[in-house]
N, C-alpha and C. Protein backbone atom coordinates (compact mmCIF):
# COMPACT_ATOMS: atom_id res chain seq x y z
N MET A 1 223.55 189.90 -88.66
CA MET A 1 224.41 189.85 -87.51
C MET A 1 225.38 190.95 -88.13
N GLY A 2 225.31 191.70 -86.57
CA GLY A 2 226.42 193.20 -86.96
C GLY A 2 227.74 192.34 -87.04
N ILE A 3 228.74 193.51 -87.23
CA ILE A 3 230.39 193.37 -87.73
C ILE A 3 230.71 192.74 -86.01
N GLN A 4 230.44 193.09 -85.21
CA GLN A 4 231.21 192.62 -84.01
C GLN A 4 230.50 191.45 -83.87
N GLU A 5 229.59 191.04 -83.91
CA GLU A 5 229.01 189.44 -83.65
C GLU A 5 229.85 189.01 -84.59
N GLN A 6 230.03 189.45 -85.88
CA GLN A 6 230.59 188.54 -86.91
C GLN A 6 232.05 187.74 -86.01
N ILE A 7 232.72 189.51 -85.90
CA ILE A 7 234.18 189.06 -85.55
C ILE A 7 233.97 188.05 -84.62
N ASP A 8 233.46 188.52 -83.22
CA ASP A 8 233.97 187.27 -82.49
C ASP A 8 233.17 185.55 -82.83
N ASN A 9 232.31 185.51 -83.58
CA ASN A 9 231.93 184.54 -83.84
C ASN A 9 233.35 183.30 -84.70
N ASP A 10 233.63 184.82 -85.83
CA ASP A 10 235.19 184.39 -87.05
C ASP A 10 236.06 184.36 -85.69
N LEU A 11 236.37 184.97 -84.48
CA LEU A 11 237.59 184.94 -84.00
C LEU A 11 237.15 183.33 -83.24
N LYS A 12 235.97 182.90 -82.83
CA LYS A 12 235.72 181.36 -82.29
C LYS A 12 236.68 180.46 -83.15
N GLN A 13 235.57 180.64 -84.23
CA GLN A 13 236.27 179.75 -85.82
C GLN A 13 237.79 179.60 -85.80
N ALA A 14 238.49 180.75 -86.11
CA ALA A 14 239.94 180.68 -86.11
C ALA A 14 240.55 180.30 -85.09
N LEU A 15 239.87 180.39 -83.75
CA LEU A 15 241.09 179.59 -82.71
C LEU A 15 240.57 178.59 -82.63
N LYS A 16 239.48 177.90 -82.97
CA LYS A 16 239.29 176.44 -83.37
C LYS A 16 240.13 175.74 -84.30
N ASP A 17 240.22 176.27 -85.85
CA ASP A 17 240.90 176.27 -86.86
C ASP A 17 242.33 176.15 -86.78
N LYS A 18 243.00 176.94 -85.85
CA LYS A 18 243.82 177.19 -85.70
C LYS A 18 244.80 178.19 -86.63
N LYS A 19 243.89 179.19 -87.07
CA LYS A 19 244.71 179.84 -88.37
C LYS A 19 245.17 181.05 -87.61
N GLU A 20 246.34 180.88 -87.44
CA GLU A 20 247.31 181.95 -86.87
C GLU A 20 247.10 183.56 -87.12
N LEU A 21 247.21 183.87 -88.95
CA LEU A 21 246.89 184.74 -88.98
C LEU A 21 245.88 185.42 -88.63
N GLU A 22 244.49 184.99 -88.84
CA GLU A 22 243.07 185.78 -88.97
C GLU A 22 243.27 185.63 -87.62
N LEU A 23 243.53 185.16 -86.18
CA LEU A 23 243.48 185.16 -84.77
C LEU A 23 244.06 186.18 -84.85
N SER A 24 245.27 186.07 -85.12
CA SER A 24 245.92 187.64 -85.07
C SER A 24 245.48 189.29 -85.17
N VAL A 25 244.44 188.97 -86.09
CA VAL A 25 244.06 189.95 -87.05
C VAL A 25 242.76 190.44 -86.62
N LEU A 26 242.12 189.08 -85.95
CA LEU A 26 240.77 189.69 -85.44
C LEU A 26 240.88 190.00 -83.62
N ARG A 27 242.10 189.66 -83.40
CA ARG A 27 242.37 189.76 -82.18
C ARG A 27 242.66 191.39 -82.01
N MET A 28 243.30 192.06 -83.17
CA MET A 28 243.98 193.56 -83.05
C MET A 28 242.54 194.00 -83.88
N LEU A 29 241.67 193.54 -84.14
CA LEU A 29 240.30 194.38 -84.42
C LEU A 29 239.84 194.33 -83.45
N LYS A 30 239.81 193.27 -82.48
CA LYS A 30 238.76 193.88 -80.92
C LYS A 30 239.45 194.41 -80.46
N THR A 31 240.35 194.83 -80.48
CA THR A 31 240.88 195.60 -79.50
C THR A 31 240.40 196.65 -79.58
N ALA A 32 241.01 196.87 -81.12
CA ALA A 32 240.36 198.43 -81.82
C ALA A 32 239.33 198.93 -81.69
N LEU A 33 238.30 197.99 -81.89
CA LEU A 33 236.63 197.84 -81.30
C LEU A 33 236.50 198.36 -80.05
N LYS A 34 236.92 197.90 -79.02
CA LYS A 34 236.74 198.13 -77.44
C LYS A 34 237.30 199.19 -77.29
N ASN A 35 238.79 199.52 -78.14
CA ASN A 35 239.21 201.22 -77.38
C ASN A 35 238.13 202.15 -77.93
N ALA A 36 237.33 202.19 -79.76
CA ALA A 36 236.71 202.96 -79.93
C ALA A 36 235.29 202.83 -78.82
N GLU A 37 234.88 201.91 -78.41
CA GLU A 37 233.70 202.09 -77.29
C GLU A 37 234.02 202.63 -76.23
N ILE A 38 235.43 202.88 -75.96
CA ILE A 38 236.05 203.60 -74.48
C ILE A 38 236.00 205.20 -74.55
N ALA A 39 236.28 205.11 -76.31
CA ALA A 39 236.49 206.74 -76.10
C ALA A 39 235.30 207.09 -76.23
N ALA A 40 234.34 206.83 -76.74
CA ALA A 40 232.92 207.10 -77.09
C ALA A 40 232.39 207.04 -76.23
N LYS A 41 232.86 205.85 -75.19
CA LYS A 41 231.62 206.07 -73.52
C LYS A 41 230.56 205.56 -73.90
N GLY A 42 230.49 204.31 -74.37
CA GLY A 42 229.09 203.45 -75.18
C GLY A 42 229.55 202.06 -76.34
N SER A 43 228.34 202.33 -75.98
CA SER A 43 228.35 201.20 -77.28
C SER A 43 228.73 201.58 -78.67
N LEU A 44 229.28 201.06 -79.75
CA LEU A 44 229.59 201.33 -80.92
C LEU A 44 228.30 200.70 -81.85
N SER A 45 227.90 202.02 -82.62
CA SER A 45 226.75 201.95 -84.13
C SER A 45 227.64 200.71 -85.32
N GLU A 46 226.85 200.15 -85.92
CA GLU A 46 227.27 199.73 -86.79
C GLU A 46 228.10 200.39 -87.86
N GLU A 47 227.79 201.60 -88.30
CA GLU A 47 228.62 202.56 -88.93
C GLU A 47 229.83 202.85 -88.20
N ASP A 48 229.55 202.98 -87.16
CA ASP A 48 230.84 203.32 -86.32
C ASP A 48 231.84 202.56 -86.13
N ALA A 49 231.64 201.26 -86.24
CA ALA A 49 232.18 199.93 -86.12
C ALA A 49 232.98 199.67 -87.38
N ALA A 50 232.28 199.90 -88.91
CA ALA A 50 232.76 199.84 -89.67
C ALA A 50 233.81 200.80 -90.08
N LYS A 51 233.78 202.01 -89.53
CA LYS A 51 234.83 203.47 -89.64
C LYS A 51 235.96 202.40 -89.07
N VAL A 52 236.00 201.80 -87.82
CA VAL A 52 236.81 201.45 -86.98
C VAL A 52 237.43 200.43 -88.05
N VAL A 53 236.96 199.62 -88.63
CA VAL A 53 237.58 198.31 -89.56
C VAL A 53 238.23 199.30 -90.79
N ALA A 54 237.32 199.84 -91.56
CA ALA A 54 238.50 201.03 -92.56
C ALA A 54 239.67 201.72 -92.34
N THR A 55 239.60 202.34 -90.79
CA THR A 55 240.53 202.87 -90.50
C THR A 55 241.83 201.58 -90.83
N GLN A 56 241.21 200.42 -89.76
CA GLN A 56 242.42 199.43 -89.46
C GLN A 56 242.74 198.99 -91.20
N ALA A 57 242.35 199.23 -91.96
CA ALA A 57 242.53 198.42 -93.39
C ALA A 57 243.21 199.70 -94.25
N LYS A 58 242.67 200.94 -94.05
CA LYS A 58 243.80 201.99 -94.07
C LYS A 58 244.97 201.99 -93.83
N GLN A 59 245.26 201.29 -92.42
CA GLN A 59 246.83 201.38 -92.01
C GLN A 59 247.48 200.70 -92.34
N ARG A 60 246.63 199.06 -93.12
CA ARG A 60 247.19 198.36 -93.45
C ARG A 60 247.93 198.76 -95.00
N LYS A 61 247.24 199.11 -95.65
CA LYS A 61 247.62 199.70 -96.71
C LYS A 61 248.55 200.94 -96.71
N ASP A 62 248.82 201.96 -96.13
CA ASP A 62 249.54 202.77 -95.90
C ASP A 62 251.16 201.70 -95.74
N ALA A 63 251.09 200.94 -94.84
CA ALA A 63 252.37 200.03 -93.85
C ALA A 63 252.80 199.49 -95.44
N ILE A 64 251.98 199.12 -96.07
CA ILE A 64 251.89 198.02 -97.54
C ILE A 64 253.10 199.08 -98.48
N SER A 65 252.54 200.15 -98.90
CA SER A 65 253.13 201.17 -99.70
C SER A 65 254.74 201.57 -98.98
N GLN A 66 254.77 201.96 -97.47
CA GLN A 66 255.75 202.18 -97.24
C GLN A 66 257.01 200.61 -96.89
N PHE A 67 256.25 199.60 -96.87
CA PHE A 67 257.46 198.63 -96.87
C PHE A 67 257.93 198.02 -98.43
N GLU A 68 256.61 198.73 -99.62
CA GLU A 68 257.40 198.17 -100.65
C GLU A 68 258.46 199.27 -101.11
N GLN A 69 258.07 200.38 -100.79
CA GLN A 69 259.35 201.73 -100.77
C GLN A 69 260.34 201.56 -99.96
N GLY A 70 260.69 200.64 -98.60
CA GLY A 70 261.37 200.07 -98.09
C GLY A 70 262.71 198.92 -98.93
N GLY A 71 261.49 198.29 -99.82
CA GLY A 71 262.32 196.81 -100.26
C GLY A 71 261.95 196.09 -99.21
N ARG A 72 260.79 196.21 -98.35
CA ARG A 72 260.88 195.03 -97.54
C ARG A 72 259.48 193.95 -97.96
N ALA A 73 259.78 193.44 -98.80
CA ALA A 73 258.54 192.40 -99.44
C ALA A 73 258.09 191.85 -98.95
N ASP A 74 258.55 190.76 -97.52
CA ASP A 74 258.26 190.23 -96.14
C ASP A 74 257.24 190.71 -95.95
N LEU A 75 257.71 191.78 -95.40
CA LEU A 75 256.77 192.49 -94.43
C LEU A 75 255.15 193.01 -95.40
N ALA A 76 255.53 193.84 -96.22
CA ALA A 76 254.33 193.81 -97.33
C ALA A 76 253.93 192.65 -97.56
N ASP A 77 254.25 191.45 -97.80
CA ASP A 77 253.43 190.80 -97.82
C ASP A 77 252.44 190.15 -96.26
N LYS A 78 252.83 190.24 -95.53
CA LYS A 78 252.33 189.90 -94.23
C LYS A 78 250.86 190.94 -94.05
N GLU A 79 251.31 192.29 -94.23
CA GLU A 79 250.28 193.46 -94.06
C GLU A 79 249.19 192.93 -95.42
N LYS A 80 249.55 192.67 -96.45
CA LYS A 80 248.69 192.51 -97.81
C LYS A 80 247.56 191.10 -97.15
N ALA A 81 248.32 190.32 -96.65
CA ALA A 81 247.31 189.70 -95.89
C ALA A 81 246.28 189.06 -94.96
N GLU A 82 246.78 190.26 -94.41
CA GLU A 82 246.10 191.21 -93.14
C GLU A 82 245.43 191.88 -93.51
N LEU A 83 245.21 192.79 -94.51
CA LEU A 83 244.14 193.62 -95.20
C LEU A 83 243.26 192.55 -96.05
N ALA A 84 243.99 191.72 -96.67
CA ALA A 84 242.84 191.01 -97.30
C ALA A 84 241.69 190.48 -95.96
N VAL A 85 241.98 190.37 -94.60
CA VAL A 85 241.13 189.83 -93.52
C VAL A 85 240.21 190.72 -92.98
N LEU A 86 240.86 191.76 -93.26
CA LEU A 86 240.03 193.12 -92.97
C LEU A 86 239.10 193.38 -94.04
N GLN A 87 239.64 193.34 -95.17
CA GLN A 87 238.07 193.69 -95.66
C GLN A 87 237.09 192.73 -96.19
N THR A 88 237.29 191.44 -95.80
CA THR A 88 235.62 190.59 -95.30
C THR A 88 234.84 191.38 -94.73
N TYR A 89 234.87 192.31 -93.67
CA TYR A 89 234.54 193.10 -92.94
C TYR A 89 234.09 194.34 -92.97
N LEU A 90 234.40 194.49 -94.42
CA LEU A 90 233.70 196.38 -95.37
C LEU A 90 232.97 195.83 -96.20
N PRO A 91 232.32 196.84 -96.32
CA PRO A 91 231.43 196.67 -97.21
C PRO A 91 231.67 196.97 -98.58
N GLU A 92 231.11 196.17 -99.40
CA GLU A 92 231.61 196.22 -100.98
C GLU A 92 231.97 197.98 -101.60
N GLN A 93 232.95 198.10 -102.04
CA GLN A 93 233.14 198.85 -102.85
C GLN A 93 232.60 199.69 -104.18
N MET A 94 232.25 200.72 -104.00
CA MET A 94 231.40 201.04 -105.60
C MET A 94 232.98 201.21 -106.52
N PRO A 95 232.23 201.01 -107.60
CA PRO A 95 232.79 200.83 -109.10
C PRO A 95 233.01 202.97 -108.98
N GLU A 96 234.48 202.44 -109.89
CA GLU A 96 234.86 203.98 -110.49
C GLU A 96 233.55 204.71 -110.86
N GLU A 97 233.04 204.28 -111.78
CA GLU A 97 232.22 204.77 -112.52
C GLU A 97 231.03 205.41 -111.88
N ASP A 98 230.52 204.98 -110.48
CA ASP A 98 229.70 205.40 -109.65
C ASP A 98 230.41 206.60 -109.03
N ILE A 99 231.31 206.48 -108.74
CA ILE A 99 232.06 206.96 -107.96
C ILE A 99 231.97 208.22 -108.47
N ARG A 100 232.71 208.92 -110.02
CA ARG A 100 232.60 209.65 -110.77
C ARG A 100 231.35 210.30 -111.42
N ARG A 101 230.54 209.56 -111.36
CA ARG A 101 228.90 210.25 -111.58
C ARG A 101 228.77 210.90 -110.25
N VAL A 102 228.41 210.53 -108.47
CA VAL A 102 228.60 211.26 -107.55
C VAL A 102 229.63 212.51 -107.67
N VAL A 103 230.65 212.45 -108.36
CA VAL A 103 231.58 213.53 -107.97
C VAL A 103 231.02 214.82 -108.88
N ARG A 104 230.53 214.22 -110.39
CA ARG A 104 229.78 215.37 -111.67
C ARG A 104 229.12 215.75 -110.54
N GLU A 105 228.06 215.19 -110.06
CA GLU A 105 226.74 215.42 -109.62
C GLU A 105 227.22 216.44 -108.47
N LYS A 106 227.68 216.40 -107.30
CA LYS A 106 228.35 217.45 -106.32
C LYS A 106 228.83 218.59 -106.98
N ILE A 107 229.42 218.31 -108.37
CA ILE A 107 230.34 219.45 -108.56
C ILE A 107 229.57 220.95 -109.63
N SER A 108 228.66 219.96 -110.06
CA SER A 108 227.30 220.66 -110.83
C SER A 108 226.86 221.57 -109.24
N GLU A 109 226.04 220.78 -108.21
CA GLU A 109 225.78 221.05 -107.13
C GLU A 109 226.51 222.45 -106.80
N ALA A 110 227.72 222.69 -106.88
CA ALA A 110 228.37 223.54 -106.23
C ALA A 110 228.64 224.45 -106.98
N GLY A 111 228.57 224.72 -108.30
CA GLY A 111 228.17 225.48 -109.19
C GLY A 111 228.86 226.31 -109.21
N ASP A 112 229.76 227.72 -108.93
CA ASP A 112 230.52 228.53 -109.42
C ASP A 112 231.91 228.28 -108.10
N ASP A 113 231.34 227.98 -106.86
CA ASP A 113 232.19 227.95 -105.88
C ASP A 113 232.98 226.14 -106.24
N GLN A 114 233.75 226.26 -106.70
CA GLN A 114 234.94 224.89 -107.01
C GLN A 114 236.01 224.66 -106.03
N ASN A 115 234.86 225.03 -104.51
CA ASN A 115 236.30 224.53 -103.24
C ASN A 115 236.46 223.30 -103.28
N PHE A 116 237.69 222.65 -103.41
CA PHE A 116 237.97 221.06 -103.47
C PHE A 116 237.20 220.15 -101.91
N GLY A 117 237.80 221.69 -100.78
CA GLY A 117 237.57 220.55 -99.10
C GLY A 117 236.20 220.51 -99.23
N ARG A 118 235.50 221.58 -99.42
CA ARG A 118 234.06 221.24 -99.89
C ARG A 118 233.40 220.39 -100.33
N ILE A 119 233.71 220.08 -101.61
CA ILE A 119 232.70 219.48 -102.54
C ILE A 119 233.19 217.82 -102.14
N MET A 120 234.49 217.90 -101.70
CA MET A 120 235.02 216.08 -101.06
C MET A 120 234.33 216.08 -99.69
N GLY A 121 233.49 217.15 -99.03
CA GLY A 121 232.75 216.71 -98.05
C GLY A 121 231.53 216.11 -98.19
N MET A 122 231.05 216.66 -99.50
CA MET A 122 230.08 216.71 -99.88
C MET A 122 230.00 214.81 -100.39
N VAL A 123 230.96 214.98 -101.22
CA VAL A 123 231.09 213.79 -101.89
C VAL A 123 231.21 212.20 -100.83
N MET A 124 232.35 212.61 -99.63
CA MET A 124 232.47 211.76 -99.01
C MET A 124 231.15 211.20 -97.83
N LYS A 125 229.89 212.57 -97.66
CA LYS A 125 229.05 212.26 -96.95
C LYS A 125 228.40 211.50 -97.62
N GLU A 126 227.84 211.42 -98.90
CA GLU A 126 226.94 210.51 -99.50
C GLU A 126 227.63 209.33 -99.47
N ILE A 127 228.71 209.30 -100.21
CA ILE A 127 229.46 208.02 -100.50
C ILE A 127 229.70 206.96 -99.04
N GLY A 128 230.23 207.77 -98.12
CA GLY A 128 230.53 206.89 -96.64
C GLY A 128 231.93 205.75 -97.05
N GLN A 129 231.71 204.81 -96.70
CA GLN A 129 232.52 203.57 -96.58
C GLN A 129 232.84 203.09 -97.84
N LYS A 130 232.12 203.38 -98.61
CA LYS A 130 231.64 202.31 -99.62
C LYS A 130 232.69 202.52 -100.68
N ALA A 131 233.73 203.78 -100.18
CA ALA A 131 234.87 204.20 -101.26
C ALA A 131 235.83 204.72 -100.70
N ASP A 132 237.29 204.28 -100.89
CA ASP A 132 238.51 204.45 -100.51
C ASP A 132 238.46 206.31 -100.58
N GLY A 133 238.56 206.57 -99.64
CA GLY A 133 239.02 208.26 -99.76
C GLY A 133 239.82 208.85 -101.00
N GLY A 134 241.12 208.46 -100.78
CA GLY A 134 242.49 208.35 -101.92
C GLY A 134 241.64 208.18 -103.32
N ALA A 135 241.12 207.37 -103.52
CA ALA A 135 240.47 207.40 -104.65
C ALA A 135 239.55 208.38 -105.02
N VAL A 136 238.60 208.55 -104.07
CA VAL A 136 237.81 210.05 -104.56
C VAL A 136 238.77 211.17 -104.80
N ARG A 137 239.51 211.31 -103.64
CA ARG A 137 240.09 212.47 -103.51
C ARG A 137 240.61 212.16 -105.40
N GLN A 138 241.38 211.44 -106.02
CA GLN A 138 241.82 211.16 -107.11
C GLN A 138 241.09 211.89 -108.38
N ILE A 139 240.37 211.49 -108.13
CA ILE A 139 239.10 211.17 -109.13
C ILE A 139 238.25 212.96 -109.28
N LEU A 140 238.56 213.26 -107.63
CA LEU A 140 237.53 214.39 -108.23
C LEU A 140 238.51 215.40 -108.43
N GLN A 141 240.02 215.31 -108.05
CA GLN A 141 241.15 215.99 -108.73
C GLN A 141 241.05 216.12 -110.08
N GLU A 142 241.06 214.85 -111.02
CA GLU A 142 240.83 214.73 -112.41
C GLU A 142 239.76 215.62 -113.17
N GLU A 143 238.01 215.38 -112.18
CA GLU A 143 237.21 216.28 -112.75
C GLU A 143 237.24 217.92 -112.49
N LEU A 144 237.67 218.09 -111.38
CA LEU A 144 238.00 219.53 -111.42
C LEU A 144 238.67 220.34 -112.35
N GLY A 145 239.81 219.21 -112.63
CA GLY A 145 241.13 219.31 -113.40
C GLY A 145 240.47 219.64 -114.94
N LYS A 146 239.20 219.09 -115.48
CA LYS A 146 238.93 219.09 -116.99
C LYS A 146 238.43 220.42 -117.12
């Protein structure tokens, strides 16, 4: 079953169970997926749908950090609850040691050309949605700094 089908099924179940938070998040997610379909002028692949979910999750993470910096713990908690719902639709994240291994491989492949952007692109192309870009960036900076 694809991500979109799973979201549809979970939306129906949330309606039946009267789970307001899940219902709100799933409706927002369906809207984001529909907007992406309209922009793509066709149906989305599983990978594209996963990217939309990842984008929504990243937006929640950014909002959480901003609300915490602003001293709004109540709003940060709401965003954290929404993020927890979104994370059920994301692929399992790679452990840090696996990310480090891929980063080291790509650094050695790059040889003398230690261009951060180029290596980051190579790493993200291999890892895809299995790791957060911010975590990959931090690991790459650490490895290049050695």
